[in-house]
Protein backbone atom coordinates (compact mmCIF):
# COMPACT_ATOMS: atom_id res chain seq x y z
CA UNK A 1 -0.02 -0.09 0.19
CA UNK A 2 1.49 3.42 -0.95
CA UNK A 3 1.14 6.15 1.61
CA UNK A 4 -0.89 8.02 -1.15
CA UNK A 5 -3.61 5.66 -0.46
CA UNK A 6 -3.43 5.84 3.23
CA UNK A 7 -6.61 6.74 5.43
CA UNK A 8 -6.38 8.66 8.61
CA UNK A 9 -7.37 5.65 10.48
CA UNK A 10 -4.23 3.90 9.08
CA UNK A 11 -2.21 6.79 10.40
CA UNK A 12 -3.74 6.89 13.78
CA UNK A 13 -3.15 3.15 14.12
CA UNK A 14 0.42 3.36 13.24
CA UNK A 15 1.01 6.33 15.69
CA UNK A 16 -0.68 4.82 18.75
CA UNK A 17 -0.04 0.90 18.18
CA UNK A 18 3.42 0.43 16.52
CA UNK A 19 6.23 -0.84 18.62
CA UNK A 20 9.42 0.85 19.04
CA UNK A 21 12.88 -0.05 18.25
CA UNK A 22 15.57 0.09 21.29
CA UNK A 23 17.64 3.13 20.75
CA UNK A 24 20.68 1.26 21.70
CA UNK A 25 20.50 -1.88 19.99
CA UNK A 26 17.81 -1.25 17.34
CA UNK A 27 15.71 -4.49 18.56
CA UNK A 28 12.02 -4.10 18.25
CA UNK A 29 10.19 -3.95 21.40
CA UNK A 30 7.15 -6.06 21.95
CA UNK A 31 5.31 -5.07 25.16
CA UNK A 32 6.08 -1.99 27.22
CA UNK A 33 7.14 -2.81 31.16
CA UNK A 34 4.55 -0.29 32.34
CA UNK A 35 2.20 2.43 31.22
CA UNK A 36 0.91 5.32 32.84
CA UNK A 37 -1.19 8.50 32.03
CA UNK A 38 1.05 11.34 32.22
CA UNK A 39 -1.40 14.04 32.16
CA UNK A 40 -2.47 16.48 29.35
CA UNK A 41 -3.65 13.62 27.09
CA UNK A 42 -0.22 11.86 27.23
CA UNK A 43 0.62 8.23 28.20
CA UNK A 44 4.04 7.29 29.04
CA UNK A 45 5.35 3.76 28.18
CA UNK A 46 8.55 2.43 30.04
CA UNK A 47 10.47 -0.33 27.94
CA UNK A 48 13.21 -2.57 28.87
CA UNK A 49 14.94 -4.21 26.04
CA UNK A 50 15.47 -7.84 26.37
CA UNK A 51 18.47 -8.14 24.11
CA UNK A 52 20.81 -5.57 25.39
CA UNK A 53 19.20 -4.45 28.81
CA UNK A 54 18.71 -0.55 28.08
CA UNK A 55 15.64 1.07 29.61
CA UNK A 56 14.02 3.86 27.85
CA UNK A 57 10.64 5.68 27.57
CA UNK A 58 8.22 6.86 24.70
CA UNK A 59 5.25 9.08 25.21
CA UNK A 60 2.09 9.08 23.10
CA UNK A 61 0.12 12.13 22.63
CA UNK A 62 -3.58 11.19 22.54
CA UNK A 63 -4.81 14.53 21.40
CA UNK A 64 -8.64 15.38 21.32
CA UNK A 65 -9.88 11.81 22.62
CA UNK A 66 -13.43 11.58 24.14
CA UNK A 67 -14.58 8.56 25.95
């Protein structure tokens, strides 16, 4: 699929549900060690790379999400 045919829903899925790569060794991460609501529409995920032992965090901005 080319990006020209991508829908907004596809971009939203990719933004919120893709797995990060370890900044140290590049290994794809599967599941965060923990997640927390960081306020103002942000969720922070804490990761631990099983391959090299590096710990790192990622933040996801949810924007205008209503429940």
